[in-house]
Amino acid sequence: MIKILYLGSSSVCMELQNDNPYYAPEEYTVSMGGRPILRRNTNVFSLFELTPDTEYTAAVEYQGIKEEISFKTRTETCCVSVKDFGAVGDGVHEDTAAIQAAVNFVPEGGRIYFPAGTYLTLPIALRSHITLELSEKAVLLGSTERERYPILAEVARDPFTGQETPLSSFEGNEVPAYMSLLHGAYARDITVVGLGRIDGNGQNGDWWKEFENFPAMRPRAVFLNRCEDVTFHGVTVANSASWHMHPFFSKNIGMYDMYIEAPKNSPNTDAIDPESCDQVEIIGCRFSVGDDCIAIKSGKIEMARKYKTPADHHTIRNCLMDFGHGALTLGSELAGGIRNVSVTKCLFHATDRGLRIKSRRGRGKDSIITNVEFDNIRMDGVLTPIVINLWYNCCDPDRFTEYVWSREHLPVDDRTPHMGTFCFRNMECTDAEAAACYIDGLPESPIDKVILENISISFAENAQPHVPAMQNFAKERCKLGLYLDNVKEIEIRNVKMKGQDGEMVIADHYEKLITEGFDQE
C-alpha cells in the first residue's frame, strides 16, 4: 500500500507501508506512463517537476507486486523564474534584492522557480501563499558578511500601548538574533520544494568561530515564527550558522524527504528543532549534523510562564539519523511541556545517543512530559541507545551550581519539572558502547513510569568508555546494562542483552519493578 504524504502543484511525496525502518525491503522502480523514472530503496520517495493541475498515475513495483496510485497536482496562479527579477545565480553577484522582489511581488498562490545556479544572498523574508522551488542544481547560498545581516530584537513594543510582538528567540529564551536565511514570521501557506540546496555557508564565514562574542545570537538557515501550514519537501539544508530549521510557536509544519547535513565538529548545528509547535510531521528525512538531529523543545522557564504553550502532536517516522549528539531528543528547553510524540520506523547510525530526553531543575512546573512513545527503532553504533537525564548541565548560567547537581531530595516548587510515562518498544540496538540505557531522575520528582519492551541490545567488542549523559560529575561508562534511578514504576519485558559488564539491570529508588523474559548471552 502507498500513502501520499504531500501533494503540491509540482511535486508529490509518497510512503510505502511496511514495518521496515527507513529502508524498503528491497529496491523498487517507480514508473509513469509505462516509463521507469525512479529507482529507490527507501520507504519514502518523491517526484518533482510535475505540471500543475494535471492528473498522473504512478506505478510502483516491489516484492513482485505492482501497485498504481493516481493523483492530481494542485493548481497555482503562476510560475516565475527568479531570474526574471534580476537574479544572476553565479555565486559571485549578490541576489538578495532580486529574490526578495520575487517573493514580494509574485501573486498569491504563485511559484518562484530557481533554475540551475548558485544564488548568493543575505536573509530573505518569506510571505504567505507562495512556493519556492529549487531545481536540482540550484543553491541558495548564505552570505558570509555577518555585519550585513539584520539583528532582530526579542520583541517589538508598541510605542503607544507597550504591547509586545515577539520577534526572536534562541535556546529557549527570547533574545536578539540575526535574521535567518529564510525567515518566516506570522505567515501561512508556504512551501519550499525541489532537489536543490539551501546552504548557510557557515564554514566559510565566522559563524562557527567566536560566536559567543557576537552582538546577537546566530541565525538559523530557516526560522518560522508563529507560522502556519508550512511544507518543506525534498530540499537539502546544509551548513547553517547554528540550528538548521527552527519552527517556533508554529502549527501544521511538514518536512518530507529532506536531507540536512553539517560537519560533525560544527557547533550547535541541530537539524530540526521545533519549539512550542503543534502538529509537526518529519517523515522520510536523513540527517548528519554537529549536534542533535531532531530536538523537540518548548522553551525555558520564563518563556513557558509567559506563553504556556507546549510542544504537541509530533510525528517522526521513516527517518535516518546518520550522525549527531542525539538522534531524537526532547529538551532540554522543555519548560512549556511536551506531549503526544510518536517516533517510529527510524534508523539511527553512529549518534552519541539514540532516544534522548534531557531536562534539569529549573525548567519549572509546566515542564510536564507525557504520552511519548518510541516504537520500531533500529540503532547501530549508537554509544548509549536510551537516555533520560534530569541533570542536564548545559546552556544555562547556573549550570554548575549546587541546585543543579545536588543529589539531595530538594523541596518541590514551581521550578521542579515532571516526567510522565515513556514507552520504548521493538528496538534492535547493535554495537553500543557506554550503556544500554541510562535513566536518571530527580529524587524529589521521580519519573512516573518507564516501559522497556521487546528490545535487543548488544555491545561492541572493542567498546570504549564514554559519558552516557551530560551532567555534573559525570562518570564514563563502558558496557553498562539497563541503569535506572528515581523511576516510580519500571516494566522490563522481553529484553535481550549481549556483551554487557555486570548486571543487566541496575535499578535504585523505585516503587515497582517488573521484569519478564530476560535473555542474557
Protein backbone atom coordinates (compact mmCIF):
# COMPACT_ATOMS: atom_id res chain seq x y z
CA MET A 1 0.00 0.00 0.00
CA ILE A 2 1.19 3.51 -0.87
CA LYS A 3 0.30 6.65 1.06
CA ILE A 4 0.57 10.21 -0.26
CA LEU A 5 2.30 12.38 2.34
CA TYR A 6 2.36 15.63 0.42
CA LEU A 7 0.88 16.74 -2.90
CA GLY A 8 1.66 20.16 -4.35
CA SER A 9 1.47 21.85 -7.72
CA SER A 10 4.79 20.47 -8.98
CA SER A 11 5.77 17.64 -6.62
CA VAL A 12 4.43 14.67 -4.69
CA CYS A 13 5.85 12.68 -1.77
CA MET A 14 4.78 9.09 -1.11
CA GLU A 15 5.41 6.44 1.52
CA LEU A 16 5.44 2.65 1.23
CA GLN A 17 3.52 1.00 4.06
CA ASN A 18 5.64 -1.71 5.72
CA ASP A 19 7.34 -2.43 9.04
CA ASN A 20 10.93 -1.76 7.92
CA PRO A 21 12.65 1.27 9.45
CA TYR A 22 13.61 3.81 6.76
CA TYR A 23 14.70 1.33 4.09
CA ALA A 24 12.27 -0.68 1.97
CA PRO A 25 12.56 -4.49 1.97
CA GLU A 26 14.13 -4.25 -1.49
CA GLU A 27 14.90 -1.73 -4.21
CA TYR A 28 11.89 -0.78 -6.29
CA THR A 29 11.03 1.03 -9.52
CA VAL A 30 8.61 3.91 -9.99
CA SER A 31 7.10 4.33 -13.47
CA MET A 32 4.83 6.89 -15.06
CA GLY A 33 3.18 6.38 -18.43
CA GLY A 34 4.86 2.99 -18.69
CA ARG A 35 8.33 4.56 -18.43
CA PRO A 36 10.62 3.92 -15.42
CA ILE A 37 11.61 7.25 -13.91
CA LEU A 38 12.99 6.42 -10.48
CA ARG A 39 14.68 3.65 -8.53
CA ARG A 40 14.77 3.88 -4.73
CA ASN A 41 15.42 1.70 -1.70
CA THR A 42 13.80 3.90 0.96
CA ASN A 43 10.23 3.80 2.23
CA VAL A 44 9.67 7.43 1.22
CA PHE A 45 10.12 8.67 -2.34
CA SER A 46 9.28 11.82 -4.27
CA LEU A 47 8.54 13.02 -7.79
CA PHE A 48 9.40 16.56 -8.86
CA GLU A 49 8.94 18.97 -11.78
CA LEU A 50 5.37 17.88 -12.36
CA THR A 51 2.84 20.03 -14.21
CA PRO A 52 0.24 21.84 -12.07
CA ASP A 53 -3.44 20.87 -12.28
CA THR A 54 -2.61 17.62 -14.04
CA GLU A 55 -3.70 14.02 -13.41
CA TYR A 56 -0.95 11.41 -13.03
CA THR A 57 -0.75 7.71 -12.33
CA ALA A 58 2.41 6.30 -10.78
CA ALA A 59 3.19 2.58 -10.73
CA VAL A 60 5.45 1.10 -8.05
CA GLU A 61 6.90 -2.39 -8.50
CA TYR A 62 8.41 -4.08 -5.43
CA GLN A 63 8.37 -7.54 -3.87
CA GLY A 64 6.85 -8.90 -7.04
CA ILE A 65 3.84 -6.63 -6.76
CA LYS A 66 2.82 -3.73 -8.97
CA GLU A 67 0.70 -1.07 -7.35
CA GLU A 68 -0.71 2.01 -9.01
CA ILE A 69 -1.72 5.26 -7.39
CA SER A 70 -3.44 8.20 -9.12
CA PHE A 71 -3.31 11.82 -8.09
CA LYS A 72 -3.91 15.31 -9.45
CA THR A 73 -1.45 18.11 -8.79
CA ARG A 74 -2.70 21.32 -7.29
CA THR A 75 -3.44 24.46 -9.24
CA GLU A 76 -1.36 27.61 -8.95
CA THR A 77 -1.79 31.19 -10.10
CA CYS A 78 1.55 31.42 -11.91
CA CYS A 79 5.16 30.27 -12.07
CA VAL A 80 8.00 32.77 -12.50
CA SER A 81 11.77 32.42 -12.67
CA VAL A 82 13.76 34.29 -10.07
CA LYS A 83 15.97 35.41 -12.95
CA ASP A 84 13.06 37.43 -14.31
CA PHE A 85 13.55 39.66 -11.27
CA GLY A 86 17.25 40.16 -11.94
CA ALA A 87 18.88 37.26 -10.10
CA VAL A 88 22.22 36.25 -11.63
CA GLY A 89 22.94 32.91 -9.95
CA ASP A 90 26.70 32.90 -10.48
CA GLY A 91 27.65 32.66 -6.79
CA VAL A 92 29.52 35.98 -7.01
CA HIS A 93 26.90 38.67 -7.53
CA GLU A 94 24.60 39.10 -4.56
CA ASP A 95 21.00 38.19 -5.46
CA THR A 96 19.21 39.29 -2.27
CA ALA A 97 17.23 42.15 -3.81
CA ALA A 98 16.12 40.09 -6.79
CA ILE A 99 14.97 37.16 -4.67
CA GLN A 100 13.15 39.42 -2.20
CA ALA A 101 11.45 41.24 -5.08
CA ALA A 102 10.20 37.93 -6.45
CA VAL A 103 8.87 36.92 -3.03
CA ASN A 104 7.20 40.31 -2.53
CA PHE A 105 5.55 40.68 -5.89
CA VAL A 106 4.56 37.24 -7.14
CA PRO A 107 0.77 36.83 -6.87
CA GLU A 108 -0.64 34.76 -4.03
CA GLY A 109 -0.66 31.09 -4.98
CA GLY A 110 2.36 31.62 -7.25
CA ARG A 111 5.59 29.65 -7.54
CA ILE A 112 9.08 31.16 -7.73
CA TYR A 113 11.41 28.86 -9.64
CA PHE A 114 15.18 28.82 -9.15
CA PRO A 115 16.90 27.37 -12.24
CA ALA A 116 20.39 25.88 -12.01
CA GLY A 117 22.85 28.28 -10.40
CA THR A 118 24.26 29.49 -7.10
CA TYR A 119 22.29 32.38 -5.64
CA LEU A 120 24.37 34.30 -3.10
CA THR A 121 22.05 36.01 -0.66
CA LEU A 122 21.50 37.74 2.65
CA PRO A 123 18.35 36.83 4.65
CA ILE A 124 15.06 36.59 2.77
CA ALA A 125 11.69 37.37 4.40
CA LEU A 126 9.04 34.86 3.36
CA ARG A 127 5.39 35.79 2.88
CA SER A 128 2.11 33.92 2.84
CA HIS A 129 0.70 31.86 -0.03
CA ILE A 130 3.84 31.30 -2.08
CA THR A 131 6.01 28.39 -3.20
CA LEU A 132 9.77 28.42 -3.70
CA GLU A 133 11.08 25.66 -5.96
CA LEU A 134 14.82 24.97 -6.10
CA SER A 135 15.77 22.93 -9.16
CA GLU A 136 18.23 20.08 -8.80
CA LYS A 137 21.31 22.22 -9.44
CA ALA A 138 20.11 25.36 -7.68
CA VAL A 139 21.86 26.50 -4.49
CA LEU A 140 20.63 29.26 -2.19
CA LEU A 141 23.95 30.28 -0.60
CA GLY A 142 24.17 32.38 2.55
CA SER A 143 26.43 35.42 2.51
CA THR A 144 29.41 35.39 4.86
CA GLU A 145 29.10 39.14 5.52
CA ARG A 146 27.75 38.88 9.06
CA GLU A 147 27.69 42.64 9.60
CA ARG A 148 25.04 42.94 6.87
CA TYR A 149 22.60 40.50 8.49
CA PRO A 150 19.81 42.45 10.26
CA ILE A 151 19.59 41.91 14.01
CA LEU A 152 16.06 41.37 15.29
CA ALA A 153 15.13 42.39 18.82
CA GLU A 154 13.49 39.77 21.01
CA VAL A 155 10.21 41.73 20.89
CA ALA A 156 8.92 44.88 19.24
CA ARG A 157 6.95 47.19 21.54
CA ASP A 158 4.05 49.36 20.53
CA PRO A 159 5.28 52.96 21.12
CA PHE A 160 1.83 53.95 22.42
CA THR A 161 0.49 50.93 24.34
CA GLY A 162 3.65 48.96 25.07
CA GLN A 163 2.11 45.80 23.61
CA GLU A 164 4.79 43.27 22.66
CA THR A 165 5.15 41.47 19.34
CA PRO A 166 7.60 38.53 19.66
CA LEU A 167 10.32 38.55 17.00
CA SER A 168 13.31 36.47 18.01
CA SER A 169 14.46 33.57 20.18
CA PHE A 170 17.27 31.09 20.64
CA GLU A 171 17.88 28.18 23.04
CA GLY A 172 14.62 28.70 24.88
CA ASN A 173 14.84 32.43 25.58
CA GLU A 174 13.55 35.50 23.79
CA VAL A 175 16.79 37.21 22.83
CA PRO A 176 18.09 39.33 19.94
CA ALA A 177 19.28 37.26 16.99
CA TYR A 178 20.48 37.72 13.47
CA MET A 179 17.75 37.32 10.87
CA SER A 180 17.76 33.80 9.44
CA LEU A 181 18.49 32.96 5.82
CA LEU A 182 14.87 32.04 5.12
CA HIS A 183 12.82 33.90 7.71
CA GLY A 184 9.08 33.46 8.06
CA ALA A 185 7.07 35.45 10.60
CA TYR A 186 3.29 35.47 11.14
CA ALA A 187 2.81 33.92 7.70
CA ARG A 188 0.92 30.89 6.40
CA ASP A 189 0.66 28.57 3.42
CA ILE A 190 4.34 28.49 2.46
CA THR A 191 6.01 25.70 0.51
CA VAL A 192 9.68 25.12 -0.30
CA VAL A 193 10.25 22.19 -2.66
CA GLY A 194 12.72 20.70 -5.09
CA LEU A 195 16.02 18.86 -5.30
CA GLY A 196 18.12 21.98 -4.74
CA ARG A 197 20.11 23.13 -1.72
CA ILE A 198 19.81 25.79 0.97
CA ASP A 199 23.37 26.29 2.22
CA GLY A 200 24.07 28.55 5.19
CA ASN A 201 27.76 28.69 4.23
CA GLY A 202 28.71 28.57 7.91
CA GLN A 203 32.11 27.05 7.24
CA ASN A 204 33.29 29.99 5.14
CA GLY A 205 32.36 32.88 7.40
CA ASP A 206 32.90 33.42 11.10
CA TRP A 207 29.58 31.89 12.18
CA TRP A 208 31.27 28.86 13.74
CA LYS A 209 34.08 30.90 15.35
CA GLU A 210 33.98 33.22 18.36
CA PHE A 211 30.19 33.20 18.20
CA GLU A 212 29.85 33.71 21.95
CA ASN A 213 31.20 37.24 21.39
CA PHE A 214 28.70 38.22 18.68
CA PRO A 215 26.28 41.08 19.46
CA ALA A 216 23.32 38.73 18.87
CA MET A 217 22.57 35.03 18.60
CA ARG A 218 23.41 33.32 15.34
CA PRO A 219 20.77 32.93 12.62
CA ARG A 220 19.27 29.66 11.53
CA ALA A 221 19.02 28.51 7.95
CA VAL A 222 15.22 28.53 8.37
CA PHE A 223 13.27 30.26 11.16
CA LEU A 224 9.46 30.16 11.25
CA ASN A 225 7.98 32.44 13.91
CA ARG A 226 4.28 31.79 14.51
CA CYS A 227 3.66 30.47 11.02
CA GLU A 228 1.00 28.00 9.87
CA ASP A 229 0.72 25.42 7.12
CA VAL A 230 4.35 25.29 6.02
CA THR A 231 5.87 22.44 3.99
CA PHE A 232 9.48 21.67 3.10
CA HIS A 233 9.78 18.88 0.56
CA GLY A 234 12.89 17.35 -0.94
CA VAL A 235 15.38 20.17 -0.43
CA THR A 236 18.78 19.75 1.21
CA VAL A 237 19.61 22.18 4.02
CA ALA A 238 23.29 22.40 4.95
CA ASN A 239 26.00 24.25 6.91
CA SER A 240 23.71 26.54 8.88
CA ALA A 241 25.25 29.18 11.12
CA SER A 242 23.52 27.39 14.03
CA TRP A 243 20.35 25.27 14.03
CA HIS A 244 19.22 24.40 10.53
CA MET A 245 15.43 24.52 10.89
CA HIS A 246 13.65 26.19 13.79
CA PRO A 247 9.85 26.25 13.65
CA PHE A 248 8.80 28.42 16.61
CA PHE A 249 5.24 28.59 18.02
CA SER A 250 4.05 27.37 14.64
CA LYS A 251 1.28 24.98 13.51
CA ASN A 252 0.90 22.34 10.83
CA ILE A 253 4.52 22.01 9.77
CA GLY A 254 5.54 19.22 7.36
CA MET A 255 9.08 18.18 6.41
CA TYR A 256 9.32 15.34 3.90
CA ASP A 257 12.14 13.50 2.12
CA MET A 258 14.77 16.10 3.07
CA TYR A 259 18.48 15.84 3.79
CA ILE A 260 20.09 18.05 6.44
CA GLU A 261 23.87 17.98 6.80
CA ALA A 262 26.76 19.73 8.53
CA PRO A 263 30.24 18.61 9.64
CA LYS A 264 30.46 16.57 12.84
CA ASN A 265 32.51 19.30 14.53
CA SER A 266 30.24 22.21 13.61
CA PRO A 267 28.86 23.92 16.77
CA ASN A 268 25.15 23.72 17.67
CA THR A 269 24.11 22.78 14.15
CA ASP A 270 20.96 20.87 15.16
CA ALA A 271 18.98 19.70 12.16
CA ILE A 272 15.33 20.34 13.11
CA ASP A 273 14.28 21.94 16.42
CA PRO A 274 10.51 22.52 16.56
CA GLU A 275 9.77 24.68 19.61
CA SER A 276 6.29 25.03 21.16
CA CYS A 277 4.78 23.85 17.89
CA ASP A 278 1.58 21.90 17.25
CA GLN A 279 1.09 19.26 14.54
CA VAL A 280 4.57 18.63 13.21
CA GLU A 281 5.41 15.83 10.75
CA ILE A 282 9.00 14.84 9.95
CA ILE A 283 8.92 11.86 7.62
CA GLY A 284 11.46 10.26 5.30
CA CYS A 285 14.29 12.65 6.20
CA ARG A 286 18.03 11.99 6.59
CA PHE A 287 20.37 13.80 8.97
CA SER A 288 24.09 14.10 9.68
CA VAL A 289 24.96 17.17 11.78
CA GLY A 290 27.18 18.51 14.55
CA ASP A 291 24.56 18.38 17.31
CA ASP A 292 21.10 16.84 17.82
CA CYS A 293 19.31 15.58 14.70
CA ILE A 294 15.82 16.39 15.95
CA ALA A 295 15.25 18.22 19.25
CA ILE A 296 11.66 18.91 20.29
CA LYS A 297 11.51 21.95 22.60
CA SER A 298 9.13 24.28 24.43
CA GLY A 299 11.36 27.00 25.87
CA LYS A 300 12.99 27.73 29.21
CA ILE A 301 11.03 28.67 32.31
CA GLU A 302 10.45 32.39 31.66
CA MET A 303 9.14 31.81 28.17
CA ALA A 304 6.98 28.93 29.40
CA ARG A 305 5.47 31.10 32.15
CA LYS A 306 4.76 33.84 29.64
CA TYR A 307 3.12 31.78 26.87
CA LYS A 308 2.25 28.37 28.42
CA THR A 309 2.48 26.65 25.05
CA PRO A 310 3.62 23.01 24.98
CA ALA A 311 5.01 21.07 22.06
CA ASP A 312 2.14 18.86 20.93
CA HIS A 313 1.33 16.22 18.30
CA HIS A 314 4.73 15.46 16.75
CA THR A 315 5.17 12.54 14.36
CA ILE A 316 8.62 11.36 13.31
CA ARG A 317 8.71 8.35 11.00
CA ASN A 318 10.97 6.62 8.49
CA CYS A 319 13.96 8.86 9.21
CA LEU A 320 17.70 8.10 9.13
CA MET A 321 19.92 9.79 11.70
CA ASP A 322 23.43 9.23 10.37
CA PHE A 323 25.39 11.24 12.93
CA GLY A 324 24.59 13.63 15.77
CA HIS A 325 24.81 14.06 19.53
CA GLY A 326 21.26 12.79 19.93
CA ALA A 327 19.23 11.13 17.19
CA LEU A 328 15.86 12.13 18.64
CA THR A 329 15.88 14.48 21.62
CA LEU A 330 13.28 16.04 23.87
CA GLY A 331 14.67 19.17 25.52
CA SER A 332 16.48 20.42 27.23
CA GLU A 333 14.41 23.60 26.73
CA LEU A 334 11.09 21.93 27.56
CA ALA A 335 9.67 24.17 30.29
CA GLY A 336 6.36 24.52 28.45
CA GLY A 337 5.87 20.75 28.36
CA ILE A 338 5.90 18.13 25.62
CA ARG A 339 3.05 15.74 24.88
CA ASN A 340 1.81 13.32 22.24
CA VAL A 341 5.07 12.41 20.49
CA SER A 342 5.35 9.36 18.24
CA VAL A 343 8.71 8.19 16.87
CA THR A 344 8.51 5.08 14.71
CA LYS A 345 10.33 3.16 11.98
CA CYS A 346 13.56 5.14 12.30
CA LEU A 347 17.19 4.12 11.85
CA PHE A 348 19.98 5.65 13.96
CA HIS A 349 23.61 5.23 12.99
CA ALA A 350 26.70 6.37 14.92
CA THR A 351 24.96 9.01 17.03
CA ASP A 352 26.25 9.62 20.55
CA ARG A 353 22.81 8.91 21.99
CA GLY A 354 19.71 7.45 20.42
CA LEU A 355 16.46 8.41 22.11
CA ARG A 356 17.43 11.26 24.42
CA ILE A 357 15.33 13.17 26.94
CA LYS A 358 17.15 15.92 28.82
CA SER A 359 15.93 18.34 31.48
CA ARG A 360 17.01 19.73 34.87
CA ARG A 361 15.83 21.52 37.97
CA GLY A 362 14.73 24.99 36.95
CA ARG A 363 12.65 24.01 33.91
CA GLY A 364 9.51 24.50 36.02
CA LYS A 365 6.15 23.04 36.97
CA ASP A 366 4.74 23.38 33.43
CA SER A 367 7.53 21.11 32.20
CA ILE A 368 5.26 18.06 32.05
CA ILE A 369 6.38 15.45 29.54
CA THR A 370 3.80 12.76 28.80
CA ASN A 371 2.37 10.39 26.18
CA VAL A 372 5.69 9.82 24.46
CA GLU A 373 6.21 6.55 22.58
CA PHE A 374 9.17 5.17 20.66
CA ASP A 375 8.47 2.08 18.58
CA ASN A 376 10.23 0.03 15.90
CA ILE A 377 13.65 1.68 16.08
CA ARG A 378 16.97 0.26 14.82
CA MET A 379 20.30 1.56 16.08
CA ASP A 380 23.83 0.69 15.03
CA GLY A 381 26.95 2.10 16.66
CA VAL A 382 24.96 4.37 18.98
CA LEU A 383 27.02 4.87 22.14
CA THR A 384 24.02 4.90 24.51
CA PRO A 385 20.70 3.93 22.88
CA ILE A 386 18.31 5.29 25.57
CA VAL A 387 18.94 8.30 27.83
CA ILE A 388 16.62 10.19 30.19
CA ASN A 389 18.70 12.76 32.03
CA LEU A 390 17.18 15.11 34.63
CA TRP A 391 20.60 16.57 35.48
CA TYR A 392 21.49 18.27 32.17
CA ASN A 393 24.20 20.88 32.72
CA CYS A 394 24.45 22.89 29.51
CA CYS A 395 23.02 26.14 28.11
CA ASP A 396 22.27 27.90 31.42
CA PRO A 397 24.26 30.42 33.52
CA ASP A 398 23.67 28.34 36.68
CA ARG A 399 24.67 25.06 35.07
CA PHE A 400 27.40 24.30 37.62
CA THR A 401 25.52 25.35 40.79
CA GLU A 402 24.61 23.04 43.65
CA TYR A 403 20.92 23.49 42.82
CA VAL A 404 21.54 21.71 39.52
CA TRP A 405 23.82 18.93 40.74
CA SER A 406 22.73 18.19 44.33
CA ARG A 407 21.59 14.60 44.82
CA GLU A 408 19.60 15.58 47.91
CA HIS A 409 15.81 15.44 47.98
CA LEU A 410 15.11 19.15 47.42
CA PRO A 411 11.72 20.80 48.02
CA VAL A 412 9.27 20.61 45.13
CA ASP A 413 8.36 24.11 43.94
CA ASP A 414 7.37 25.94 40.78
CA ARG A 415 10.83 25.30 39.32
CA THR A 416 10.57 21.49 39.56
CA PRO A 417 9.98 19.62 36.25
CA HIS A 418 7.93 16.44 35.92
CA MET A 419 8.38 13.44 33.65
CA GLY A 420 5.42 11.15 32.89
CA THR A 421 5.35 7.81 31.08
CA PHE A 422 7.84 6.75 28.41
CA CYS A 423 7.45 3.63 26.27
CA PHE A 424 10.41 2.13 24.39
CA ARG A 425 9.26 -0.83 22.29
CA ASN A 426 10.50 -3.07 19.49
CA MET A 427 14.07 -1.86 19.28
CA GLU A 428 17.21 -3.55 17.98
CA CYS A 429 20.49 -1.91 19.01
CA THR A 430 23.90 -3.22 17.93
CA ASP A 431 27.44 -2.11 18.82
CA ALA A 432 26.52 0.08 21.78
CA GLU A 433 29.46 1.22 23.92
CA ALA A 434 28.70 3.30 27.04
CA ALA A 435 25.38 1.93 28.32
CA ALA A 436 22.34 0.10 27.06
CA CYS A 437 20.05 2.51 28.86
CA TYR A 438 20.81 5.39 31.23
CA ILE A 439 17.79 6.86 33.03
CA ASP A 440 18.48 9.26 35.89
CA GLY A 441 15.51 11.02 37.50
CA LEU A 442 15.21 13.55 40.31
CA PRO A 443 14.76 12.29 43.89
CA GLU A 444 12.04 14.86 44.65
CA SER A 445 10.24 14.33 41.32
CA PRO A 446 10.79 10.76 40.08
CA ILE A 447 9.82 9.77 36.55
CA ASP A 448 6.33 8.23 36.64
CA LYS A 449 6.93 5.15 34.52
CA VAL A 450 9.36 3.64 32.03
CA ILE A 451 8.42 0.68 29.84
CA LEU A 452 11.16 -1.26 28.01
CA GLU A 453 9.65 -4.00 25.86
CA ASN A 454 10.88 -6.26 23.04
CA ILE A 455 14.36 -4.78 22.94
CA SER A 456 17.65 -6.34 21.86
CA ILE A 457 20.94 -4.63 22.73
CA SER A 458 24.48 -5.83 22.03
CA PHE A 459 27.77 -4.13 22.81
CA ALA A 460 30.75 -3.67 20.51
CA GLU A 461 33.63 -5.97 21.39
CA ASN A 462 36.07 -3.05 21.35
CA ALA A 463 33.72 -0.64 23.17
CA GLN A 464 35.37 2.42 24.74
CA PRO A 465 34.25 4.35 27.87
CA HIS A 466 32.01 7.36 27.27
CA VAL A 467 29.80 9.66 29.34
CA PRO A 468 26.22 8.49 28.70
CA ALA A 469 24.54 11.71 29.92
CA MET A 470 25.78 15.30 30.10
CA GLN A 471 25.70 16.16 33.82
CA ASN A 472 27.99 17.50 36.52
CA PHE A 473 30.49 14.99 37.90
CA ALA A 474 29.53 12.53 35.17
CA LYS A 475 31.43 9.25 35.09
CA GLU A 476 32.50 7.47 31.96
CA ARG A 477 30.78 4.13 31.49
CA CYS A 478 31.51 1.13 29.33
CA LYS A 479 29.16 -1.77 28.58
CA LEU A 480 26.77 -0.75 31.35
CA GLY A 481 23.41 -2.56 31.33
CA LEU A 482 19.99 -1.00 31.98
CA TYR A 483 20.59 1.74 34.56
CA LEU A 484 17.50 3.34 36.14
CA ASP A 485 17.39 5.64 39.17
CA ASN A 486 14.41 7.58 40.58
CA VAL A 487 11.70 6.00 38.43
CA LYS A 488 8.45 5.12 40.22
CA GLU A 489 7.41 2.21 38.01
CA ILE A 490 9.70 0.17 35.78
CA GLU A 491 8.47 -2.52 33.39
CA ILE A 492 11.10 -4.54 31.54
CA ARG A 493 9.75 -7.28 29.29
CA ASN A 494 11.43 -9.45 26.70
CA VAL A 495 14.82 -7.75 26.72
CA LYS A 496 17.89 -9.45 25.25
CA MET A 497 21.38 -8.24 26.00
CA LYS A 498 24.81 -9.34 24.85
CA GLY A 499 28.26 -8.26 25.99
CA GLN A 500 27.48 -6.05 28.99
CA ASP A 501 29.75 -5.93 32.03
CA GLY A 502 27.92 -6.72 35.28
CA GLU A 503 24.19 -6.98 35.90
CA MET A 504 21.64 -6.48 33.14
CA VAL A 505 19.53 -4.22 35.36
CA ILE A 506 20.86 -1.68 37.87
CA ALA A 507 17.83 -0.01 39.47
CA ASP A 508 17.53 2.18 42.54
CA HIS A 509 14.89 4.39 44.20
CA TYR A 510 11.85 2.82 42.56
CA GLU A 511 8.41 1.77 43.84
CA LYS A 512 7.61 -1.05 41.44
CA LEU A 513 9.87 -3.17 39.24
CA ILE A 514 8.53 -5.80 36.82
CA THR A 515 10.98 -7.92 34.85
CA GLU A 516 9.89 -10.67 32.48
CA GLY A 517 11.61 -12.59 29.71
CA PHE A 518 15.25 -11.65 30.20
CA ASP A 519 17.76 -13.24 27.87
CA GLN A 520 21.46 -12.72 28.53
CA GLU A 521 24.12 -14.09 26.20
